[in-house]
Protein backbone atom coordinates (compact mmCIF):
# COMPACT_ATOMS: atom_id res chain seq x y z
CA MET A 1 -26.01 -12.62 -12.42
CA ASN A 2 -22.46 -13.85 -13.09
CA ILE A 3 -19.74 -11.32 -12.29
CA ALA A 4 -16.08 -11.66 -13.30
CA ILE A 5 -13.39 -9.79 -11.39
CA VAL A 6 -10.16 -9.39 -13.37
CA GLY A 7 -7.39 -8.38 -10.98
CA SER A 8 -7.58 -9.44 -7.34
CA GLY A 9 -5.72 -6.60 -5.62
CA LEU A 10 -7.32 -4.32 -3.05
CA VAL A 11 -9.81 -2.84 -5.53
CA GLY A 12 -10.70 -6.20 -7.06
CA GLN A 13 -11.24 -7.71 -3.60
CA ALA A 14 -13.50 -4.83 -2.62
CA TRP A 15 -15.54 -5.18 -5.82
CA ALA A 16 -15.96 -8.91 -5.13
CA ILE A 17 -17.50 -8.05 -1.77
CA VAL A 18 -19.82 -5.46 -3.36
CA PHE A 19 -21.19 -7.86 -5.96
CA ALA A 20 -21.41 -10.88 -3.65
CA ARG A 21 -23.13 -8.75 -1.00
CA GLY A 22 -25.61 -7.84 -3.73
CA GLY A 23 -26.43 -11.52 -4.25
CA HIS A 24 -24.42 -12.19 -7.42
CA ARG A 25 -22.07 -15.07 -8.17
CA VAL A 26 -18.51 -13.73 -8.37
CA LYS A 27 -15.45 -15.30 -9.95
CA MET A 28 -11.98 -13.79 -9.51
CA TRP A 29 -8.83 -14.07 -11.61
CA ASP A 30 -5.39 -12.53 -11.44
CA GLY A 31 -2.27 -12.84 -13.57
CA ASP A 32 -0.48 -13.90 -10.39
CA PRO A 33 -2.01 -17.26 -9.36
CA SER A 34 -1.10 -16.77 -5.70
CA ALA A 35 -2.90 -13.42 -5.59
CA VAL A 36 -6.36 -14.98 -5.76
CA ALA A 37 -5.70 -17.18 -2.72
CA GLY A 38 -4.36 -14.17 -0.84
CA ALA A 39 -7.40 -12.15 -1.85
CA ALA A 40 -9.74 -14.80 -0.46
CA THR A 41 -8.04 -14.56 2.94
CA LEU A 42 -8.32 -10.77 3.02
CA ILE A 43 -11.94 -10.87 1.87
CA GLU A 44 -12.83 -13.13 4.79
CA LYS A 45 -11.31 -10.61 7.20
CA GLN A 46 -13.08 -7.67 5.56
CA VAL A 47 -16.40 -9.52 5.63
CA ALA A 48 -15.94 -10.31 9.33
CA ASP A 49 -15.39 -6.59 9.98
CA LEU A 50 -18.53 -5.74 8.01
CA GLN A 51 -20.54 -8.21 10.05
CA ALA A 52 -19.18 -6.76 13.29
CA ALA A 53 -20.25 -3.30 12.12
CA GLY A 54 -23.78 -4.57 11.40
CA LEU A 55 -23.47 -3.95 7.66
CA ILE A 56 -24.10 -7.52 6.45
CA ASP A 57 -26.36 -10.28 7.72
CA ASP A 58 -25.05 -13.40 5.96
CA PRO A 59 -21.24 -13.47 5.86
CA VAL A 60 -21.12 -17.20 5.14
CA GLY A 61 -23.41 -16.86 2.13
CA LEU A 62 -21.50 -13.83 0.87
CA ILE A 63 -18.16 -15.63 0.95
CA ALA A 64 -19.70 -18.75 -0.61
CA ARG A 65 -20.69 -16.69 -3.67
CA ILE A 66 -17.03 -15.80 -4.37
CA SER A 67 -14.68 -18.26 -6.07
CA GLY A 68 -11.29 -18.13 -7.75
CA CYS A 69 -10.30 -19.08 -11.29
CA ALA A 70 -6.99 -20.27 -12.68
CA THR A 71 -7.30 -18.75 -16.16
CA LEU A 72 -8.78 -15.69 -17.85
CA GLU A 73 -10.85 -17.98 -20.07
CA GLU A 74 -12.39 -19.59 -17.00
CA VAL A 75 -13.28 -16.34 -15.25
CA LEU A 76 -14.94 -14.95 -18.39
CA LEU A 77 -16.94 -18.10 -19.17
CA GLY A 78 -20.63 -17.22 -18.80
CA ALA A 79 -19.91 -13.78 -17.35
CA ASP A 80 -22.64 -11.14 -17.65
CA TYR A 81 -20.46 -8.31 -16.36
CA VAL A 82 -16.69 -7.91 -15.99
CA GLN A 83 -14.96 -5.49 -13.62
CA GLU A 84 -11.27 -5.07 -14.53
CA SER A 85 -9.05 -3.70 -11.75
CA LEU A 86 -5.47 -4.12 -12.96
CA PRO A 87 -2.73 -1.50 -12.34
CA GLU A 88 -3.10 1.98 -13.80
CA ARG A 89 -0.99 1.40 -16.92
CA LEU A 90 -2.32 2.12 -20.40
CA GLU A 91 -0.52 -0.69 -22.23
CA MET A 92 -1.75 -3.20 -19.64
CA LYS A 93 -5.34 -1.95 -20.14
CA LYS A 94 -5.00 -2.31 -23.92
CA GLU A 95 -3.68 -5.85 -23.60
CA ILE A 96 -6.28 -7.12 -21.12
CA PHE A 97 -9.23 -5.51 -22.91
CA ALA A 98 -8.14 -7.02 -26.23
CA LYS A 99 -8.02 -10.44 -24.57
CA MET A 100 -11.34 -9.98 -22.79
CA ASP A 101 -13.06 -8.74 -25.94
CA ALA A 102 -11.89 -11.85 -27.78
CA LEU A 103 -12.86 -14.29 -25.01
CA ALA A 104 -15.98 -12.95 -23.31
CA PRO A 105 -19.52 -13.66 -24.59
CA SER A 106 -20.68 -10.95 -26.99
CA ALA A 107 -23.30 -9.58 -24.57
CA THR A 108 -20.88 -9.26 -21.64
CA ILE A 109 -20.20 -5.74 -20.35
CA LEU A 110 -16.49 -4.96 -20.00
CA ALA A 111 -15.89 -2.26 -17.36
CA SER A 112 -12.65 -0.83 -16.02
CA SER A 113 -11.94 0.53 -12.54
CA THR A 114 -9.29 2.94 -13.88
CA SER A 115 -8.93 6.14 -11.89
CA SER A 116 -7.98 8.42 -14.78
CA ILE A 117 -7.60 6.75 -18.20
CA PRO A 118 -10.55 7.33 -20.57
CA ALA A 119 -12.01 4.20 -22.14
CA SER A 120 -11.28 5.53 -25.63
CA ALA A 121 -7.53 5.25 -24.92
CA PHE A 122 -7.62 1.46 -24.73
CA THR A 123 -10.77 0.29 -26.55
CA GLU A 124 -10.79 2.12 -29.91
CA ALA A 125 -9.43 -0.78 -31.97
CA LEU A 126 -11.62 -3.48 -30.41
CA PRO A 127 -14.37 -5.21 -32.42
CA GLY A 128 -16.56 -5.09 -29.30
CA ARG A 129 -15.69 -1.56 -28.25
CA ALA A 130 -19.38 -0.62 -27.91
CA ARG A 131 -19.62 -2.75 -24.75
CA CYS A 132 -16.61 -1.18 -23.02
CA LEU A 133 -16.73 1.64 -20.45
CA ILE A 134 -15.40 2.95 -17.15
CA ALA A 135 -16.95 2.15 -13.77
CA HIS A 136 -14.57 4.01 -11.45
CA PRO A 137 -15.06 3.34 -7.73
CA VAL A 138 -13.77 5.02 -4.61
CA ASN A 139 -11.66 2.63 -2.57
CA PRO A 140 -12.98 0.63 -0.84
CA PRO A 141 -16.25 0.50 -2.82
CA TYR A 142 -17.98 -1.72 -0.26
CA LEU A 143 -17.79 1.26 2.14
CA VAL A 144 -17.77 4.28 -0.21
CA PRO A 145 -20.58 3.68 -2.71
CA VAL A 146 -20.12 6.28 -5.48
CA VAL A 147 -19.23 4.87 -8.92
CA GLU A 148 -18.39 7.10 -11.88
CA ILE A 149 -19.78 5.61 -15.10
CA CYS A 150 -18.14 6.99 -18.23
CA GLY A 151 -18.38 5.56 -21.71
CA ALA A 152 -16.20 6.21 -24.74
CA PRO A 153 -17.76 8.07 -27.69
CA TRP A 154 -18.67 4.65 -29.16
CA THR A 155 -20.04 3.00 -26.01
CA ASP A 156 -23.60 1.80 -26.54
CA ALA A 157 -26.10 3.79 -24.46
CA GLN A 158 -27.75 0.53 -23.41
CA VAL A 159 -24.43 -0.67 -21.99
CA VAL A 160 -24.19 2.51 -19.92
CA GLN A 161 -27.74 1.99 -18.64
CA ARG A 162 -27.17 -1.69 -17.89
CA THR A 163 -24.05 -0.79 -15.91
CA TRP A 164 -26.03 1.86 -14.02
CA ASP A 165 -28.67 -0.76 -13.21
CA VAL A 166 -26.05 -3.26 -12.03
CA MET A 167 -24.52 -0.69 -9.71
CA GLU A 168 -27.83 0.47 -8.28
CA GLY A 169 -28.83 -3.17 -7.81
CA VAL A 170 -25.84 -3.84 -5.53
CA GLY A 171 -26.34 -0.70 -3.47
CA GLN A 172 -23.75 1.57 -5.12
CA LYS A 173 -24.42 5.20 -6.05
CA PRO A 174 -23.72 5.61 -9.78
CA VAL A 175 -22.93 8.97 -11.35
CA LYS A 176 -22.99 9.37 -15.12
CA ILE A 177 -20.05 11.28 -16.61
CA HIS A 178 -21.46 12.73 -19.83
CA ARG A 179 -18.17 13.18 -21.70
CA GLU A 180 -14.73 11.67 -21.31
CA LEU A 181 -12.14 13.60 -19.33
CA LYS A 182 -8.93 12.52 -17.64
CA GLY A 183 -9.46 11.72 -13.97
CA PHE A 184 -13.25 11.88 -14.36
CA VAL A 185 -14.99 14.06 -11.74
CA LEU A 186 -14.00 12.75 -8.32
CA ASN A 187 -10.25 12.84 -8.86
CA ARG A 188 -10.44 16.27 -10.50
CA LEU A 189 -12.22 17.61 -7.42
CA GLN A 190 -9.77 15.85 -5.13
CA GLY A 191 -6.87 17.14 -7.21
CA ALA A 192 -8.09 20.74 -7.00
CA LEU A 193 -8.34 20.52 -3.20
CA LEU A 194 -4.95 18.84 -2.92
CA ARG A 195 -3.27 21.43 -5.15
CA GLU A 196 -4.53 24.27 -2.94
CA ALA A 197 -3.67 22.31 0.22
CA PHE A 198 -0.08 21.77 -0.95
CA ARG A 199 0.20 25.46 -1.91
CA LEU A 200 -1.05 26.69 1.47
CA VAL A 201 1.48 24.55 3.31
CA GLU A 202 4.31 25.39 0.90
CA GLN A 203 3.75 29.10 1.37
CA GLY A 204 3.66 28.82 5.15
CA TYR A 205 0.00 29.65 5.82
CA VAL A 206 -0.74 26.41 7.68
CA ASP A 207 0.87 23.08 8.56
CA ALA A 208 -0.30 19.61 7.54
CA GLU A 209 -2.26 18.95 10.72
CA GLY A 210 -3.96 22.34 10.63
CA LEU A 211 -5.03 21.75 7.05
CA ASP A 212 -6.39 18.29 7.90
CA VAL A 213 -8.29 19.66 10.90
CA THR A 214 -9.87 22.32 8.67
CA VAL A 215 -11.26 19.67 6.36
CA ARG A 216 -11.93 16.97 8.96
CA GLU A 217 -13.67 19.21 11.49
CA GLY A 218 -15.05 21.73 8.98
CA LEU A 219 -15.79 21.01 5.34
CA GLY A 220 -15.77 17.25 5.78
CA LEU A 221 -18.56 17.20 8.35
CA ARG A 222 -21.02 18.67 5.86
CA TRP A 223 -19.58 16.79 2.90
CA SER A 224 -20.27 13.44 4.59
CA PHE A 225 -23.96 13.89 3.81
CA MET A 226 -24.25 16.67 1.22
CA GLY A 227 -22.30 17.95 -1.76
CA PRO A 228 -20.86 21.45 -2.40
CA PHE A 229 -23.87 22.70 -4.36
CA GLU A 230 -26.33 21.67 -1.67
CA THR A 231 -23.95 23.13 0.91
CA ILE A 232 -24.00 26.60 -0.62
CA ASP A 233 -27.71 26.31 -1.40
CA LEU A 234 -28.30 26.11 2.36
CA ASN A 235 -25.68 28.72 3.29
CA ALA A 236 -27.52 31.82 2.03
CA PRO A 237 -31.04 32.97 2.93
CA ASP A 238 -32.38 32.62 -0.62
CA GLY A 239 -30.37 29.65 -1.83
CA LEU A 240 -27.62 28.95 -4.35
CA ALA A 241 -28.04 32.01 -6.58
CA ASP A 242 -28.09 34.27 -3.51
CA TYR A 243 -24.87 32.64 -2.24
CA ALA A 244 -23.17 32.98 -5.65
CA ARG A 245 -24.01 36.68 -5.88
CA ARG A 246 -22.88 37.34 -2.30
CA PHE A 247 -19.52 35.56 -2.56
CA ASN A 248 -18.67 35.55 -6.27
CA ASP A 249 -16.27 38.49 -5.91
CA MET A 250 -14.50 36.86 -2.98
CA TYR A 251 -13.96 33.56 -4.80
CA GLN A 252 -12.92 35.35 -7.99
CA SER A 253 -10.31 37.32 -6.05
CA ILE A 254 -8.99 34.14 -4.44
CA SER A 255 -8.91 32.31 -7.78
CA THR A 256 -6.29 34.68 -9.17
CA GLU A 257 -3.85 33.17 -6.64
CA GLN A 258 -4.78 29.61 -7.60
CA THR A 259 -3.67 29.49 -11.23
CA SER A 260 -0.36 27.64 -10.91
CA THR A 261 -0.02 24.34 -12.75
CA GLU A 262 3.46 23.55 -11.47
CA PRO A 263 4.03 20.03 -10.09
CA TRP A 264 4.27 19.60 -6.34
CA SER A 265 7.84 20.44 -5.39
CA GLU A 266 10.11 17.92 -3.67
CA ALA A 267 10.59 20.47 -0.89
CA VAL A 268 6.90 20.64 0.00
CA ILE A 269 6.51 16.86 -0.39
CA GLU A 270 9.36 16.33 2.08
CA LYS A 271 7.92 18.97 4.40
CA LEU A 272 4.51 17.31 4.44
CA GLU A 273 6.03 13.83 4.77
CA SER A 274 8.01 14.98 7.81
CA GLN A 275 4.94 16.56 9.40
CA ARG A 276 2.80 13.48 8.77
CA ARG A 277 5.44 11.08 10.13
CA THR A 278 5.58 13.19 13.31
CA VAL A 279 1.85 12.58 13.74
CA LEU A 280 1.84 9.00 12.42
CA PRO A 281 5.06 6.93 12.26
CA LYS A 282 5.39 4.86 9.09
CA ASP A 283 5.10 1.55 10.96
CA GLN A 284 1.61 2.60 12.08
CA LEU A 285 0.22 3.28 8.60
CA LEU A 286 -1.49 -0.09 8.22
CA ALA A 287 -3.12 0.12 11.65
CA ARG A 288 -4.40 3.60 10.81
CA ARG A 289 -5.80 2.37 7.47
CA LEU A 290 -7.70 -0.35 9.33
CA TRP A 291 -8.94 2.30 11.77
CA ARG A 292 -10.08 4.41 8.80
CA ASP A 293 -12.07 1.50 7.40
CA ARG A 294 -13.73 0.85 10.78
CA ARG A 295 -14.73 4.51 10.98
CA LEU A 296 -16.12 4.33 7.44
CA MET A 297 -18.11 1.27 8.51
CA ALA A 298 -19.53 3.17 11.46
CA LEU A 299 -20.44 6.07 9.20
CA ALA A 300 -22.02 3.72 6.66
CA ALA A 301 -24.06 2.09 9.41
CA HIS A 302 -25.19 5.51 10.66
CA LYS A 303 -26.19 6.69 7.19
CA LYS A 304 -28.03 3.40 6.58
CA SER A 305 -30.01 3.81 9.79
CA ALA A 306 -30.93 7.38 8.83
CA GLU A 307 -32.31 6.52 5.38
């Protein structure tokens, strides 16, 4: 299968690894010609880390399946599937999808990595709008496999299924979002947790590190291998309904304190920034990100061995 990556930033690079690891031929393009060369260098480093973690067997073959292109026309030529990963700006999405729809073969799937913009916002006027949809990853997708697949009201059901099949075929974990909504599911869940986390710190109940410990050493341990519904299904003697009836009143009472829709205040942002910089100086952010990715690799290797 021929895969086109449009946008060679961090997300585009990660997608290239996913598809090449799955055995597909991958071509990359970016509006900045130098970005593709830079992406190739970073991909080589990421692939070396994956090999060291025991997550790939043929790094040379993987890298050989990835190549760069100088023009959008070139990257789309013969493409079966396109993954667009440009910045999160609506007008940019409209412009690139109009160009791709005009240039790509009629059977080519056009998917966007957008984190929050519904496909209907930038595909409605396109002649080929039925082949356009969202395939939203978690960064980096070569380590975090879930992909949210969400079509517009006019997306062909076969395009949704073909995208699902592509993702399953390269080892990702697709989730179908049945109707469009801003932020899809993952970011809405993350946003709800972040809103409460900011509120708890702002009101003096806990500091940043205490909140992180609560998730890292509490909720996160279970969430690394099961979701919230399975969690509560196992946390009451007779399952989910038993749990809901036992704790519904408690959660309802708590929810009355969680109704604010105010933006995060500058005061709490500065408070959290100060607390985080005490734990992790700014010049150590990159090193910590690399550490995070190594830990994700170790977790991925563990989960793979337990399948």
